[in-house]
PDB file of all heavy atoms in Angstrom:
ATOM      1  N   ALA A   1       1.548 -13.618   1.207  1.00  0.00           N
ATOM      2  CA  ALA A   1       0.531 -13.186   2.181  1.00  0.00           C
ATOM      3  C   ALA A   1      -0.876 -13.438   1.659  1.00  0.00           C
ATOM      4  O   ALA A   1      -1.721 -13.988   2.375  1.00  0.00           O
ATOM      5  CB  ALA A   1       0.722 -11.709   2.517  1.00  0.00           C
ATOM      6  N   THR A   2      -1.124 -13.067   0.412  1.00  0.00           N
ATOM      7  CA  THR A   2      -2.484 -13.221  -0.100  1.00  0.00           C
ATOM      8  C   THR A   2      -2.836 -14.678  -0.395  1.00  0.00           C
ATOM      9  O   THR A   2      -3.994 -15.068  -0.269  1.00  0.00           O
ATOM     10  CB  THR A   2      -2.714 -12.359  -1.358  1.00  0.00           C
ATOM     11  OG1 THR A   2      -1.743 -12.692  -2.350  1.00  0.00           O
ATOM     12  CG2 THR A   2      -2.633 -10.882  -1.022  1.00  0.00           C
ATOM     13  N   SER A   3      -1.849 -15.485  -0.736  1.00  0.00           N
ATOM     14  CA  SER A   3      -2.155 -16.886  -1.051  1.00  0.00           C
ATOM     15  C   SER A   3      -2.296 -17.764   0.193  1.00  0.00           C
ATOM     16  O   SER A   3      -2.990 -18.768   0.163  1.00  0.00           O
ATOM     17  CB  SER A   3      -1.101 -17.476  -1.994  1.00  0.00           C
ATOM     18  OG  SER A   3       0.143 -17.618  -1.335  1.00  0.00           O
ATOM     19  N   THR A   4      -1.643 -17.381   1.289  1.00  0.00           N
ATOM     20  CA  THR A   4      -1.707 -18.194   2.506  1.00  0.00           C
ATOM     21  C   THR A   4      -2.627 -17.605   3.566  1.00  0.00           C
ATOM     22  O   THR A   4      -3.049 -18.318   4.472  1.00  0.00           O
ATOM     23  CB  THR A   4      -0.313 -18.356   3.148  1.00  0.00           C
ATOM     24  OG1 THR A   4       0.170 -17.072   3.560  1.00  0.00           O
ATOM     25  CG2 THR A   4       0.673 -19.017   2.189  1.00  0.00           C
ATOM     26  N   GLY A   5      -2.887 -16.309   3.502  1.00  0.00           N
ATOM     27  CA  GLY A   5      -3.651 -15.647   4.550  1.00  0.00           C
ATOM     28  C   GLY A   5      -2.822 -15.339   5.783  1.00  0.00           C
ATOM     29  O   GLY A   5      -3.331 -14.819   6.772  1.00  0.00           O
ATOM     30  N   VAL A   6      -1.540 -15.639   5.734  1.00  0.00           N
ATOM     31  CA  VAL A   6      -0.626 -15.352   6.845  1.00  0.00           C
ATOM     32  C   VAL A   6       0.029 -13.996   6.556  1.00  0.00           C
ATOM     33  O   VAL A   6       0.572 -13.790   5.472  1.00  0.00           O
ATOM     34  CB  VAL A   6       0.454 -16.446   6.977  1.00  0.00           C
ATOM     35  CG1 VAL A   6       1.492 -16.071   8.023  1.00  0.00           C
ATOM     36  CG2 VAL A   6      -0.193 -17.780   7.320  1.00  0.00           C
ATOM     37  N   PRO A   7      -0.029 -13.065   7.509  1.00  0.00           N
ATOM     38  CA  PRO A   7       0.604 -11.767   7.265  1.00  0.00           C
ATOM     39  C   PRO A   7       2.103 -11.923   6.984  1.00  0.00           C
ATOM     40  O   PRO A   7       2.814 -12.621   7.707  1.00  0.00           O
ATOM     41  CB  PRO A   7       0.394 -11.000   8.573  1.00  0.00           C
ATOM     42  CG  PRO A   7      -0.758 -11.677   9.240  1.00  0.00           C
ATOM     43  CD  PRO A   7      -0.681 -13.117   8.828  1.00  0.00           C
ATOM     44  N   VAL A   8       2.552 -11.286   5.917  1.00  0.00           N
ATOM     45  CA  VAL A   8       3.967 -11.195   5.600  1.00  0.00           C
ATOM     46  C   VAL A   8       4.280  -9.707   5.555  1.00  0.00           C
ATOM     47  O   VAL A   8       3.812  -8.996   4.670  1.00  0.00           O
ATOM     48  CB  VAL A   8       4.319 -11.866   4.255  1.00  0.00           C
ATOM     49  CG1 VAL A   8       5.803 -11.691   3.943  1.00  0.00           C
ATOM     50  CG2 VAL A   8       3.942 -13.345   4.274  1.00  0.00           C
ATOM     51  N   VAL A   9       5.023  -9.235   6.531  1.00  0.00           N
ATOM     52  CA  VAL A   9       5.342  -7.817   6.632  1.00  0.00           C
ATOM     53  C   VAL A   9       6.647  -7.576   5.883  1.00  0.00           C
ATOM     54  O   VAL A   9       7.665  -8.214   6.160  1.00  0.00           O
ATOM     55  CB  VAL A   9       5.447  -7.376   8.107  1.00  0.00           C
ATOM     56  CG1 VAL A   9       5.768  -5.897   8.196  1.00  0.00           C
ATOM     57  CG2 VAL A   9       4.148  -7.685   8.846  1.00  0.00           C
ATOM     58  N   PHE A  10       6.597  -6.661   4.933  1.00  0.00           N
ATOM     59  CA  PHE A  10       7.726  -6.410   4.031  1.00  0.00           C
ATOM     60  C   PHE A  10       8.647  -5.353   4.623  1.00  0.00           C
ATOM     61  O   PHE A  10       8.324  -4.172   4.655  1.00  0.00           O
ATOM     62  CB  PHE A  10       7.199  -5.969   2.666  1.00  0.00           C
ATOM     63  CG  PHE A  10       8.252  -5.892   1.605  1.00  0.00           C
ATOM     64  CD1 PHE A  10       8.825  -7.047   1.097  1.00  0.00           C
ATOM     65  CD2 PHE A  10       8.667  -4.673   1.105  1.00  0.00           C
ATOM     66  CE1 PHE A  10       9.789  -6.983   0.101  1.00  0.00           C
ATOM     67  CE2 PHE A  10       9.624  -4.599   0.117  1.00  0.00           C
ATOM     68  CZ  PHE A  10      10.192  -5.759  -0.394  1.00  0.00           C
ATOM     69  N   GLY A  11       9.790  -5.796   5.095  1.00  0.00           N
ATOM     70  CA  GLY A  11      10.774  -4.906   5.696  1.00  0.00           C
ATOM     71  C   GLY A  11      12.075  -4.891   4.925  1.00  0.00           C
ATOM     72  O   GLY A  11      13.151  -4.862   5.514  1.00  0.00           O
ATOM     73  N   VAL A  12      11.971  -4.921   3.616  1.00  0.00           N
ATOM     74  CA  VAL A  12      13.172  -4.842   2.780  1.00  0.00           C
ATOM     75  C   VAL A  12      13.400  -3.375   2.444  1.00  0.00           C
ATOM     76  O   VAL A  12      12.567  -2.748   1.787  1.00  0.00           O
ATOM     77  CB  VAL A  12      13.029  -5.690   1.501  1.00  0.00           C
ATOM     78  CG1 VAL A  12      14.259  -5.521   0.615  1.00  0.00           C
ATOM     79  CG2 VAL A  12      12.818  -7.163   1.852  1.00  0.00           C
ATOM     80  N   LEU A  13      14.498  -2.836   2.917  1.00  0.00           N
ATOM     81  CA  LEU A  13      14.839  -1.453   2.624  1.00  0.00           C
ATOM     82  C   LEU A  13      15.220  -1.340   1.156  1.00  0.00           C
ATOM     83  O   LEU A  13      15.970  -2.176   0.642  1.00  0.00           O
ATOM     84  CB  LEU A  13      16.008  -0.993   3.485  1.00  0.00           C
ATOM     85  CG  LEU A  13      15.834  -1.073   5.000  1.00  0.00           C
ATOM     86  CD1 LEU A  13      17.111  -0.609   5.690  1.00  0.00           C
ATOM     87  CD2 LEU A  13      14.642  -0.268   5.456  1.00  0.00           C
ATOM     88  N   THR A  14      14.718  -0.344   0.493  1.00  0.00           N
ATOM     89  CA  THR A  14      15.082  -0.069  -0.896  1.00  0.00           C
ATOM     90  C   THR A  14      15.567   1.368  -0.929  1.00  0.00           C
ATOM     91  O   THR A  14      14.768   2.307  -0.864  1.00  0.00           O
ATOM     92  CB  THR A  14      13.879  -0.278  -1.840  1.00  0.00           C
ATOM     93  OG1 THR A  14      12.773   0.480  -1.367  1.00  0.00           O
ATOM     94  CG2 THR A  14      13.490  -1.750  -1.883  1.00  0.00           C
ATOM     95  N   THR A  15      16.880   1.528  -0.990  1.00  0.00           N
ATOM     96  CA  THR A  15      17.473   2.866  -0.868  1.00  0.00           C
ATOM     97  C   THR A  15      18.431   3.148  -2.019  1.00  0.00           C
ATOM     98  O   THR A  15      18.869   2.230  -2.718  1.00  0.00           O
ATOM     99  CB  THR A  15      18.236   3.005   0.463  1.00  0.00           C
ATOM    100  OG1 THR A  15      19.323   2.066   0.477  1.00  0.00           O
ATOM    101  CG2 THR A  15      17.324   2.750   1.661  1.00  0.00           C
ATOM    102  N   ASP A  16      18.736   4.415  -2.155  1.00  0.00           N
ATOM    103  CA  ASP A  16      19.688   4.825  -3.188  1.00  0.00           C
ATOM    104  C   ASP A  16      21.133   4.675  -2.729  1.00  0.00           C
ATOM    105  O   ASP A  16      22.024   4.466  -3.544  1.00  0.00           O
ATOM    106  CB  ASP A  16      19.440   6.283  -3.599  1.00  0.00           C
ATOM    107  CG  ASP A  16      18.153   6.443  -4.376  1.00  0.00           C
ATOM    108  OD1 ASP A  16      17.822   5.543  -5.171  1.00  0.00           O
ATOM    109  OD2 ASP A  16      17.470   7.470  -4.187  1.00  0.00           O
ATOM    110  N   THR A  17      21.367   4.783  -1.405  1.00  0.00           N
ATOM    111  CA  THR A  17      22.740   4.730  -0.895  1.00  0.00           C
ATOM    112  C   THR A  17      22.827   3.867   0.360  1.00  0.00           C
ATOM    113  O   THR A  17      21.820   3.651   1.051  1.00  0.00           O
ATOM    114  CB  THR A  17      23.244   6.144  -0.514  1.00  0.00           C
ATOM    115  OG1 THR A  17      22.482   6.626   0.594  1.00  0.00           O
ATOM    116  CG2 THR A  17      23.135   7.113  -1.701  1.00  0.00           C
ATOM    117  N   ILE A  18      24.020   3.432   0.661  1.00  0.00           N
ATOM    118  CA  ILE A  18      24.259   2.667   1.890  1.00  0.00           C
ATOM    119  C   ILE A  18      23.966   3.546   3.108  1.00  0.00           C
ATOM    120  O   ILE A  18      23.447   3.067   4.110  1.00  0.00           O
ATOM    121  CB  ILE A  18      25.697   2.092   1.941  1.00  0.00           C
ATOM    122  CG1 ILE A  18      25.888   1.185   3.163  1.00  0.00           C
ATOM    123  CG2 ILE A  18      26.746   3.170   1.936  1.00  0.00           C
ATOM    124  CD1 ILE A  18      25.201  -0.134   3.083  1.00  0.00           C
ATOM    125  N   GLU A  19      24.246   4.826   3.013  1.00  0.00           N
ATOM    126  CA  GLU A  19      23.990   5.736   4.129  1.00  0.00           C
ATOM    127  C   GLU A  19      22.496   5.787   4.459  1.00  0.00           C
ATOM    128  O   GLU A  19      22.120   5.779   5.638  1.00  0.00           O
ATOM    129  CB  GLU A  19      24.515   7.149   3.812  1.00  0.00           C
ATOM    130  CG  GLU A  19      26.029   7.251   3.724  1.00  0.00           C
ATOM    131  CD  GLU A  19      26.607   6.773   2.381  1.00  0.00           C
ATOM    132  OE1 GLU A  19      25.842   6.621   1.404  1.00  0.00           O
ATOM    133  OE2 GLU A  19      27.828   6.534   2.329  1.00  0.00           O
ATOM    134  N   GLN A  20      21.654   5.839   3.426  1.00  0.00           N
ATOM    135  CA  GLN A  20      20.212   5.838   3.659  1.00  0.00           C
ATOM    136  C   GLN A  20      19.763   4.539   4.321  1.00  0.00           C
ATOM    137  O   GLN A  20      18.912   4.548   5.210  1.00  0.00           O
ATOM    138  CB  GLN A  20      19.460   6.023   2.340  1.00  0.00           C
ATOM    139  CG  GLN A  20      19.589   7.387   1.734  1.00  0.00           C
ATOM    140  CD  GLN A  20      18.990   7.447   0.332  1.00  0.00           C
ATOM    141  OE1 GLN A  20      18.821   6.431  -0.335  1.00  0.00           O
ATOM    142  NE2 GLN A  20      18.668   8.656  -0.116  1.00  0.00           N
ATOM    143  N   ALA A  21      20.348   3.435   3.901  1.00  0.00           N
ATOM    144  CA  ALA A  21      19.993   2.140   4.480  1.00  0.00           C
ATOM    145  C   ALA A  21      20.389   2.083   5.953  1.00  0.00           C
ATOM    146  O   ALA A  21      19.608   1.638   6.805  1.00  0.00           O
ATOM    147  CB  ALA A  21      20.654   1.011   3.698  1.00  0.00           C
ATOM    148  N   VAL A  22      21.586   2.540   6.275  1.00  0.00           N
ATOM    149  CA  VAL A  22      22.062   2.536   7.661  1.00  0.00           C
ATOM    150  C   VAL A  22      21.159   3.414   8.531  1.00  0.00           C
ATOM    151  O   VAL A  22      20.831   3.045   9.659  1.00  0.00           O
ATOM    152  CB  VAL A  22      23.538   2.985   7.733  1.00  0.00           C
ATOM    153  CG1 VAL A  22      23.968   3.252   9.168  1.00  0.00           C
ATOM    154  CG2 VAL A  22      24.440   1.935   7.088  1.00  0.00           C
ATOM    155  N   GLU A  23      20.719   4.559   7.990  1.00  0.00           N
ATOM    156  CA  GLU A  23      19.826   5.444   8.740  1.00  0.00           C
ATOM    157  C   GLU A  23      18.526   4.739   9.119  1.00  0.00           C
ATOM    158  O   GLU A  23      17.971   4.963  10.183  1.00  0.00           O
ATOM    159  CB  GLU A  23      19.486   6.696   7.916  1.00  0.00           C
ATOM    160  CG  GLU A  23      20.615   7.684   7.821  1.00  0.00           C
ATOM    161  CD  GLU A  23      20.277   8.864   6.915  1.00  0.00           C
ATOM    162  OE1 GLU A  23      19.129   8.942   6.396  1.00  0.00           O
ATOM    163  OE2 GLU A  23      21.163   9.705   6.732  1.00  0.00           O
ATOM    164  N   ARG A  24      18.028   3.860   8.251  1.00  0.00           N
ATOM    165  CA  ARG A  24      16.749   3.178   8.481  1.00  0.00           C
ATOM    166  C   ARG A  24      16.920   1.883   9.286  1.00  0.00           C
ATOM    167  O   ARG A  24      15.947   1.232   9.618  1.00  0.00           O
ATOM    168  CB  ARG A  24      16.072   2.897   7.141  1.00  0.00           C
ATOM    169  CG  ARG A  24      15.552   4.160   6.501  1.00  0.00           C
ATOM    170  CD  ARG A  24      15.266   3.984   5.012  1.00  0.00           C
ATOM    171  NE  ARG A  24      14.744   5.204   4.412  1.00  0.00           N
ATOM    172  CZ  ARG A  24      15.464   6.270   4.081  1.00  0.00           C
ATOM    173  NH1 ARG A  24      16.768   6.274   4.310  1.00  0.00           N
ATOM    174  NH2 ARG A  24      14.905   7.324   3.529  1.00  0.00           N
ATOM    175  N   ALA A  25      18.156   1.544   9.565  1.00  0.00           N
ATOM    176  CA  ALA A  25      18.438   0.312  10.306  1.00  0.00           C
ATOM    177  C   ALA A  25      18.843   0.594  11.746  1.00  0.00           C
ATOM    178  O   ALA A  25      19.544  -0.196  12.368  1.00  0.00           O
ATOM    179  CB  ALA A  25      19.530  -0.481   9.590  1.00  0.00           C
ATOM    180  N   GLY A  26      18.413   1.731  12.264  1.00  0.00           N
ATOM    181  CA  GLY A  26      18.633   1.962  13.688  1.00  0.00           C
ATOM    182  C   GLY A  26      19.312   3.255  14.042  1.00  0.00           C
ATOM    183  O   GLY A  26      19.610   3.485  15.210  1.00  0.00           O
ATOM    184  N   THR A  27      19.561   4.128  13.072  1.00  0.00           N
ATOM    185  CA  THR A  27      20.170   5.410  13.444  1.00  0.00           C
ATOM    186  C   THR A  27      19.127   6.518  13.297  1.00  0.00           C
ATOM    187  O   THR A  27      18.101   6.476  13.942  1.00  0.00           O
ATOM    188  CB  THR A  27      21.457   5.691  12.627  1.00  0.00           C
ATOM    189  OG1 THR A  27      21.147   5.731  11.239  1.00  0.00           O
ATOM    190  CG2 THR A  27      22.513   4.625  12.884  1.00  0.00           C
ATOM    191  N   LYS A  28      19.344   7.486  12.430  1.00  0.00           N
ATOM    192  CA  LYS A  28      18.493   8.677  12.332  1.00  0.00           C
ATOM    193  C   LYS A  28      17.019   8.388  12.059  1.00  0.00           C
ATOM    194  O   LYS A  28      16.142   9.055  12.599  1.00  0.00           O
ATOM    195  CB  LYS A  28      19.000   9.596  11.216  1.00  0.00           C
ATOM    196  CG  LYS A  28      20.316  10.238  11.475  1.00  0.00           C
ATOM    197  CD  LYS A  28      20.653  11.143  10.294  1.00  0.00           C
ATOM    198  CE  LYS A  28      22.090  11.586  10.327  1.00  0.00           C
ATOM    199  NZ  LYS A  28      22.418  12.370   9.138  1.00  0.00           N
ATOM    200  N   ALA A  29      16.731   7.452  11.193  1.00  0.00           N
ATOM    201  CA  ALA A  29      15.349   7.222  10.748  1.00  0.00           C
ATOM    202  C   ALA A  29      14.677   6.071  11.489  1.00  0.00           C
ATOM    203  O   ALA A  29      13.697   5.517  11.010  1.00  0.00           O
ATOM    204  CB  ALA A  29      15.324   6.982   9.243  1.00  0.00           C
TER     205      ALA A  29
END
């Protein structure tokens, strides 16, 4: 993003468990 000036939106989930990841991929969170 900083080298090109093109916005790069960081949507990589970093979670402790698969359950937390699933919650952020369209369920509770």
